[in-house]
PDB file of N, CA and C in Angstrom:
ATOM      1  N   UNK A   1      12.860 -17.764   4.431  1.00  0.00           N
ATOM      2  CA  UNK A   1      12.271 -18.562   3.376  1.00  0.00           C
ATOM      3  C   UNK A   1      11.935 -17.629   2.215  1.00  0.00           C
ATOM      4  N   UNK A   2      12.305 -18.030   1.033  1.00  0.00           N
ATOM      5  CA  UNK A   2      11.953 -17.213  -0.129  1.00  0.00           C
ATOM      6  C   UNK A   2      10.542 -17.557  -0.597  1.00  0.00           C
ATOM      7  N   UNK A   3       9.989 -16.705  -1.409  1.00  0.00           N
ATOM      8  CA  UNK A   3       8.616 -16.897  -1.861  1.00  0.00           C
ATOM      9  C   UNK A   3       8.490 -18.085  -2.814  1.00  0.00           C
ATOM     10  N   UNK A   4       9.601 -18.508  -3.415  1.00  0.00           N
ATOM     11  CA  UNK A   4       9.571 -19.585  -4.400  1.00  0.00           C
ATOM     12  C   UNK A   4       9.997 -20.930  -3.812  1.00  0.00           C
ATOM     13  N   UNK A   5      10.195 -21.007  -2.494  1.00  0.00           N
ATOM     14  CA  UNK A   5      10.634 -22.242  -1.859  1.00  0.00           C
ATOM     15  C   UNK A   5       9.430 -23.046  -1.370  1.00  0.00           C
ATOM     16  N   UNK A   6       9.428 -24.336  -1.637  1.00  0.00           N
ATOM     17  CA  UNK A   6       8.351 -25.220  -1.182  1.00  0.00           C
ATOM     18  C   UNK A   6       8.363 -25.307   0.344  1.00  0.00           C
ATOM     19  N   UNK A   7       7.205 -25.550   0.924  1.00  0.00           N
ATOM     20  CA  UNK A   7       7.079 -25.654   2.372  1.00  0.00           C
ATOM     21  C   UNK A   7       6.109 -26.773   2.724  1.00  0.00           C
ATOM     22  N   UNK A   8       6.381 -27.446   3.832  1.00  0.00           N
ATOM     23  CA  UNK A   8       5.489 -28.489   4.332  1.00  0.00           C
ATOM     24  C   UNK A   8       4.534 -27.958   5.391  1.00  0.00           C
ATOM     25  N   UNK A   9       4.591 -26.669   5.676  1.00  0.00           N
ATOM     26  CA  UNK A   9       3.726 -26.078   6.697  1.00  0.00           C
ATOM     27  C   UNK A   9       2.314 -25.930   6.141  1.00  0.00           C
ATOM     28  N   UNK A  10       1.355 -26.432   6.884  1.00  0.00           N
ATOM     29  CA  UNK A  10      -0.050 -26.294   6.489  1.00  0.00           C
ATOM     30  C   UNK A  10      -0.673 -25.167   7.291  1.00  0.00           C
ATOM     31  N   UNK A  11      -1.543 -24.402   6.648  1.00  0.00           N
ATOM     32  CA  UNK A  11      -2.193 -23.281   7.334  1.00  0.00           C
ATOM     33  C   UNK A  11      -3.615 -23.124   6.824  1.00  0.00           C
ATOM     34  N   UNK A  12      -4.441 -22.552   7.666  1.00  0.00           N
ATOM     35  CA  UNK A  12      -5.804 -22.190   7.283  1.00  0.00           C
ATOM     36  C   UNK A  12      -5.837 -20.680   7.100  1.00  0.00           C
ATOM     37  N   UNK A  13      -6.620 -20.230   6.130  1.00  0.00           N
ATOM     38  CA  UNK A  13      -6.745 -18.799   5.887  1.00  0.00           C
ATOM     39  C   UNK A  13      -8.224 -18.452   5.789  1.00  0.00           C
ATOM     40  N   UNK A  14      -8.594 -17.357   6.427  1.00  0.00           N
ATOM     41  CA  UNK A  14      -9.952 -16.833   6.341  1.00  0.00           C
ATOM     42  C   UNK A  14      -9.853 -15.364   5.974  1.00  0.00           C
ATOM     43  N   UNK A  15     -10.773 -14.907   5.145  1.00  0.00           N
ATOM     44  CA  UNK A  15     -10.773 -13.508   4.721  1.00  0.00           C
ATOM     45  C   UNK A  15     -12.190 -12.966   4.880  1.00  0.00           C
ATOM     46  N   UNK A  16     -12.313 -11.792   5.492  1.00  0.00           N
ATOM     47  CA  UNK A  16     -13.640 -11.203   5.651  1.00  0.00           C
ATOM     48  C   UNK A  16     -13.555  -9.804   6.225  1.00  0.00           C
ATOM     49  N   UNK A  17     -14.690  -9.125   6.269  1.00  0.00           N
ATOM     50  CA  UNK A  17     -14.727  -7.764   6.819  1.00  0.00           C
ATOM     51  C   UNK A  17     -14.760  -7.792   8.346  1.00  0.00           C
ATOM     52  N   UNK A  18     -14.228  -6.742   8.941  1.00  0.00           N
ATOM     53  CA  UNK A  18     -14.327  -6.599  10.391  1.00  0.00           C
ATOM     54  C   UNK A  18     -15.465  -5.629  10.713  1.00  0.00           C
ATOM     55  N   UNK A  19     -15.810  -5.551  11.978  1.00  0.00           N
ATOM     56  CA  UNK A  19     -16.903  -4.669  12.404  1.00  0.00           C
ATOM     57  C   UNK A  19     -16.539  -3.189  12.339  1.00  0.00           C
ATOM     58  N   UNK A  20     -15.250  -2.884  12.095  1.00  0.00           N
ATOM     59  CA  UNK A  20     -14.826  -1.485  12.019  1.00  0.00           C
ATOM     60  C   UNK A  20     -14.444  -1.073  10.591  1.00  0.00           C
ATOM     61  N   UNK A  21     -14.865  -1.854   9.604  1.00  0.00           N
ATOM     62  CA  UNK A  21     -14.666  -1.477   8.213  1.00  0.00           C
ATOM     63  C   UNK A  21     -13.322  -1.830   7.611  1.00  0.00           C
ATOM     64  N   UNK A  22     -12.625  -2.751   8.221  1.00  0.00           N
ATOM     65  CA  UNK A  22     -11.357  -3.218   7.681  1.00  0.00           C
ATOM     66  C   UNK A  22     -11.584  -4.585   7.027  1.00  0.00           C
ATOM     67  N   UNK A  23     -10.610  -5.018   6.253  1.00  0.00           N
ATOM     68  CA  UNK A  23     -10.634  -6.367   5.695  1.00  0.00           C
ATOM     69  C   UNK A  23      -9.579  -7.160   6.447  1.00  0.00           C
ATOM     70  N   UNK A  24      -9.984  -8.280   7.024  1.00  0.00           N
ATOM     71  CA  UNK A  24      -9.056  -9.107   7.795  1.00  0.00           C
ATOM     72  C   UNK A  24      -8.704 -10.361   7.020  1.00  0.00           C
ATOM     73  N   UNK A  25      -7.400 -10.615   6.949  1.00  0.00           N
ATOM     74  CA  UNK A  25      -6.878 -11.903   6.496  1.00  0.00           C
ATOM     75  C   UNK A  25      -6.380 -12.578   7.764  1.00  0.00           C
ATOM     76  N   UNK A  26      -6.972 -13.711   8.094  1.00  0.00           N
ATOM     77  CA  UNK A  26      -6.661 -14.416   9.337  1.00  0.00           C
ATOM     78  C   UNK A  26      -5.985 -15.729   8.972  1.00  0.00           C
ATOM     79  N   UNK A  27      -4.752 -15.904   9.460  1.00  0.00           N
ATOM     80  CA  UNK A  27      -3.975 -17.102   9.163  1.00  0.00           C
ATOM     81  C   UNK A  27      -3.736 -17.857  10.455  1.00  0.00           C
ATOM     82  N   UNK A  28      -3.969 -19.163  10.406  1.00  0.00           N
ATOM     83  CA  UNK A  28      -3.777 -20.013  11.577  1.00  0.00           C
ATOM     84  C   UNK A  28      -2.967 -21.236  11.147  1.00  0.00           C
ATOM     85  N   UNK A  29      -1.857 -21.493  11.869  1.00  0.00           N
ATOM     86  CA  UNK A  29      -1.014 -22.641  11.553  1.00  0.00           C
ATOM     87  C   UNK A  29      -0.227 -23.060  12.782  1.00  0.00           C
ATOM     88  N   UNK A  30      -0.255 -24.323  13.105  1.00  0.00           N
ATOM     89  CA  UNK A  30       0.560 -24.927  14.153  1.00  0.00           C
ATOM     90  C   UNK A  30       0.755 -24.018  15.363  1.00  0.00           C
ATOM     91  N   UNK A  31      -0.329 -23.617  15.995  1.00  0.00           N
ATOM     92  CA  UNK A  31      -0.258 -22.802  17.199  1.00  0.00           C
ATOM     93  C   UNK A  31      -0.059 -21.317  16.961  1.00  0.00           C
ATOM     94  N   UNK A  32      -0.096 -20.880  15.713  1.00  0.00           N
ATOM     95  CA  UNK A  32       0.066 -19.463  15.391  1.00  0.00           C
ATOM     96  C   UNK A  32      -1.261 -18.922  14.886  1.00  0.00           C
ATOM     97  N   UNK A  33      -1.688 -17.809  15.434  1.00  0.00           N
ATOM     98  CA  UNK A  33      -2.872 -17.108  14.946  1.00  0.00           C
ATOM     99  C   UNK A  33      -2.424 -15.716  14.541  1.00  0.00           C
ATOM    100  N   UNK A  34      -2.617 -15.369  13.259  1.00  0.00           N
ATOM    101  CA  UNK A  34      -2.108 -14.105  12.743  1.00  0.00           C
ATOM    102  C   UNK A  34      -3.221 -13.330  12.048  1.00  0.00           C
ATOM    103  N   UNK A  35      -3.832 -12.368  12.752  1.00  0.00           N
ATOM    104  CA  UNK A  35      -4.844 -11.518  12.124  1.00  0.00           C
ATOM    105  C   UNK A  35      -4.162 -10.319  11.452  1.00  0.00           C
ATOM    106  N   UNK A  36      -4.426 -10.132  10.173  1.00  0.00           N
ATOM    107  CA  UNK A  36      -3.854  -9.019   9.417  1.00  0.00           C
ATOM    108  C   UNK A  36      -4.998  -8.150   8.918  1.00  0.00           C
ATOM    109  N   UNK A  37      -5.044  -6.903   9.341  1.00  0.00           N
ATOM    110  CA  UNK A  37      -6.124  -5.993   8.960  1.00  0.00           C
ATOM    111  C   UNK A  37      -5.636  -4.980   7.933  1.00  0.00           C
ATOM    112  N   UNK A  38      -6.477  -4.740   6.912  1.00  0.00           N
ATOM    113  CA  UNK A  38      -6.149  -3.817   5.832  1.00  0.00           C
ATOM    114  C   UNK A  38      -7.345  -2.928   5.564  1.00  0.00           C
ATOM    115  N   UNK A  39      -7.073  -1.684   5.179  1.00  0.00           N
ATOM    116  CA  UNK A  39      -8.198  -0.861   4.761  1.00  0.00           C
ATOM    117  C   UNK A  39      -8.655  -1.370   3.389  1.00  0.00           C
ATOM    118  N   UNK A  40      -9.876  -1.057   2.971  1.00  0.00           N
ATOM    119  CA  UNK A  40     -10.417  -1.622   1.729  1.00  0.00           C
ATOM    120  C   UNK A  40      -9.524  -1.377   0.498  1.00  0.00           C
ATOM    121  N   UNK A  41      -8.878  -0.215   0.411  1.00  0.00           N
ATOM    122  CA  UNK A  41      -8.016   0.074  -0.733  1.00  0.00           C
ATOM    123  C   UNK A  41      -6.808  -0.857  -0.754  1.00  0.00           C
ATOM    124  N   UNK A  42      -6.208  -1.070   0.422  1.00  0.00           N
ATOM    125  CA  UNK A  42      -5.072  -1.996   0.503  1.00  0.00           C
ATOM    126  C   UNK A  42      -5.506  -3.412   0.138  1.00  0.00           C
ATOM    127  N   UNK A  43      -6.696  -3.801   0.594  1.00  0.00           N
ATOM    128  CA  UNK A  43      -7.206  -5.142   0.289  1.00  0.00           C
ATOM    129  C   UNK A  43      -7.397  -5.312  -1.212  1.00  0.00           C
ATOM    130  N   UNK A  44      -7.869  -4.271  -1.889  1.00  0.00           N
ATOM    131  CA  UNK A  44      -8.040  -4.349  -3.341  1.00  0.00           C
ATOM    132  C   UNK A  44      -6.687  -4.468  -4.035  1.00  0.00           C
ATOM    133  N   UNK A  45      -5.671  -3.778  -3.530  1.00  0.00           N
ATOM    134  CA  UNK A  45      -4.321  -3.902  -4.096  1.00  0.00           C
ATOM    135  C   UNK A  45      -3.797  -5.325  -3.922  1.00  0.00           C
ATOM    136  N   UNK A  46      -4.038  -5.907  -2.754  1.00  0.00           N
ATOM    137  CA  UNK A  46      -3.615  -7.287  -2.500  1.00  0.00           C
ATOM    138  C   UNK A  46      -4.342  -8.233  -3.451  1.00  0.00           C
ATOM    139  N   UNK A  47      -5.638  -8.001  -3.663  1.00  0.00           N
ATOM    140  CA  UNK A  47      -6.411  -8.844  -4.577  1.00  0.00           C
ATOM    141  C   UNK A  47      -5.837  -8.759  -5.994  1.00  0.00           C
ATOM    142  N   UNK A  48      -5.449  -7.565  -6.428  1.00  0.00           N
ATOM    143  CA  UNK A  48      -4.848  -7.403  -7.755  1.00  0.00           C
ATOM    144  C   UNK A  48      -3.522  -8.156  -7.843  1.00  0.00           C
ATOM    145  N   UNK A  49      -2.721  -8.101  -6.784  1.00  0.00           N
ATOM    146  CA  UNK A  49      -1.452  -8.827  -6.768  1.00  0.00           C
ATOM    147  C   UNK A  49      -1.690 -10.334  -6.805  1.00  0.00           C
ATOM    148  N   UNK A  50      -2.714 -10.808  -6.097  1.00  0.00           N
ATOM    149  CA  UNK A  50      -3.055 -12.233  -6.135  1.00  0.00           C
ATOM    150  C   UNK A  50      -3.470 -12.663  -7.541  1.00  0.00           C
ATOM    151  N   UNK A  51      -4.287 -11.844  -8.199  1.00  0.00           N
ATOM    152  CA  UNK A  51      -4.710 -12.170  -9.570  1.00  0.00           C
ATOM    153  C   UNK A  51      -3.516 -12.211 -10.516  1.00  0.00           C
ATOM    154  N   UNK A  52      -2.607 -11.247 -10.396  1.00  0.00           N
ATOM    155  CA  UNK A  52      -1.423 -11.210 -11.251  1.00  0.00           C
ATOM    156  C   UNK A  52      -0.526 -12.421 -10.993  1.00  0.00           C
ATOM    157  N   UNK A  53      -0.353 -12.781  -9.731  1.00  0.00           N
ATOM    158  CA  UNK A  53       0.462 -13.950  -9.392  1.00  0.00           C
ATOM    159  C   UNK A  53      -0.178 -15.236  -9.902  1.00  0.00           C
ATOM    160  N   UNK A  54      -1.504 -15.331  -9.812  1.00  0.00           N
ATOM    161  CA  UNK A  54      -2.204 -16.513 -10.317  1.00  0.00           C
ATOM    162  C   UNK A  54      -2.032 -16.629 -11.832  1.00  0.00           C
ATOM    163  N   UNK A  55      -2.127 -15.517 -12.537  1.00  0.00           N
ATOM    164  CA  UNK A  55      -1.944 -15.531 -13.988  1.00  0.00           C
ATOM    165  C   UNK A  55      -0.518 -15.954 -14.340  1.00  0.00           C
ATOM    166  N   UNK A  56       0.468 -15.428 -13.621  1.00  0.00           N
ATOM    167  CA  UNK A  56       1.856 -15.803 -13.873  1.00  0.00           C
ATOM    168  C   UNK A  56       2.093 -17.279 -13.566  1.00  0.00           C
ATOM    169  N   UNK A  57       1.529 -17.767 -12.469  1.00  0.00           N
ATOM    170  CA  UNK A  57       1.678 -19.180 -12.103  1.00  0.00           C
ATOM    171  C   UNK A  57       1.023 -20.071 -13.153  1.00  0.00           C
ATOM    172  N   UNK A  58      -0.131 -19.654 -13.645  1.00  0.00           N
ATOM    173  CA  UNK A  58      -0.826 -20.421 -14.682  1.00  0.00           C
ATOM    174  C   UNK A  58       0.038 -20.510 -15.938  1.00  0.00           C
ATOM    175  N   UNK A  59       0.664 -19.407 -16.315  1.00  0.00           N
ATOM    176  CA  UNK A  59       1.540 -19.391 -17.487  1.00  0.00           C
ATOM    177  C   UNK A  59       2.733 -20.321 -17.277  1.00  0.00           C
ATOM    178  N   UNK A  60       3.338 -20.275 -16.096  1.00  0.00           N
ATOM    179  CA  UNK A  60       4.466 -21.162 -15.805  1.00  0.00           C
ATOM    180  C   UNK A  60       4.050 -22.625 -15.812  1.00  0.00           C
ATOM    181  N   UNK A  61       2.856 -22.910 -15.295  1.00  0.00           N
ATOM    182  CA  UNK A  61       2.376 -24.285 -15.227  1.00  0.00           C
ATOM    183  C   UNK A  61       2.160 -24.866 -16.624  1.00  0.00           C
ATOM    184  N   UNK A  62       1.725 -24.042 -17.554  1.00  0.00           N
ATOM    185  CA  UNK A  62       1.460 -24.550 -18.903  1.00  0.00           C
ATOM    186  C   UNK A  62       2.687 -24.479 -19.810  1.00  0.00           C
ATOM    187  N   UNK A  63       3.616 -23.555 -19.497  1.00  0.00           N
ATOM    188  CA  UNK A  63       4.805 -23.400 -20.340  1.00  0.00           C
ATOM    189  C   UNK A  63       6.041 -24.055 -19.763  1.00  0.00           C
ATOM    190  N   UNK A  64       6.070 -24.223 -18.473  1.00  0.00           N
ATOM    191  CA  UNK A  64       7.270 -24.753 -17.836  1.00  0.00           C
ATOM    192  C   UNK A  64       8.300 -23.659 -17.666  1.00  0.00           C
ATOM    193  N   UNK A  65       9.440 -23.973 -17.069  1.00  0.00           N
ATOM    194  CA  UNK A  65      10.479 -22.976 -16.851  1.00  0.00           C
ATOM    195  C   UNK A  65      11.000 -22.403 -18.157  1.00  0.00           C
ATOM    196  N   UNK A  66      11.323 -21.125 -18.155  1.00  0.00           N
ATOM    197  CA  UNK A  66      11.919 -20.423 -19.279  1.00  0.00           C
ATOM    198  C   UNK A  66      11.081 -20.516 -20.546  1.00  0.00           C
ATOM    199  N   UNK A  67       9.757 -20.648 -20.407  1.00  0.00           N
ATOM    200  CA  UNK A  67       8.873 -20.593 -21.555  1.00  0.00           C
ATOM    201  C   UNK A  67       8.837 -21.838 -22.418  1.00  0.00           C
ATOM    202  N   UNK A  68       9.442 -22.947 -21.972  1.00  0.00           N
ATOM    203  CA  UNK A  68       9.442 -24.188 -22.754  1.00  0.00           C
ATOM    204  C   UNK A  68       8.108 -24.897 -22.595  1.00  0.00           C
ATOM    205  N   UNK A  69       7.504 -25.294 -23.701  1.00  0.00           N
ATOM    206  CA  UNK A  69       6.240 -26.039 -23.644  1.00  0.00           C
ATOM    207  C   UNK A  69       6.494 -27.413 -23.049  1.00  0.00           C
ATOM    208  N   UNK A  70       5.542 -27.855 -22.216  1.00  0.00           N
ATOM    209  CA  UNK A  70       5.638 -29.197 -21.615  1.00  0.00           C
ATOM    210  C   UNK A  70       5.178 -30.230 -22.580  1.00  0.00           C
TER     211      UNK A  70
END
């Protein structure tokens, strides 16, 4: 599946610190439990990527494909 393909899969996500100083992203969907642990620096990099993706998505939502105004 590519990152730009729509999906009907629903999932829950939880994010928080672990007792050993890691940041856990916990994903649960249709019988799958996926704990992903990151050191704080990696978590900050992921947060920056999320912010950049949100900004890009916001621009696409207001401009439409190829920069055309809706």
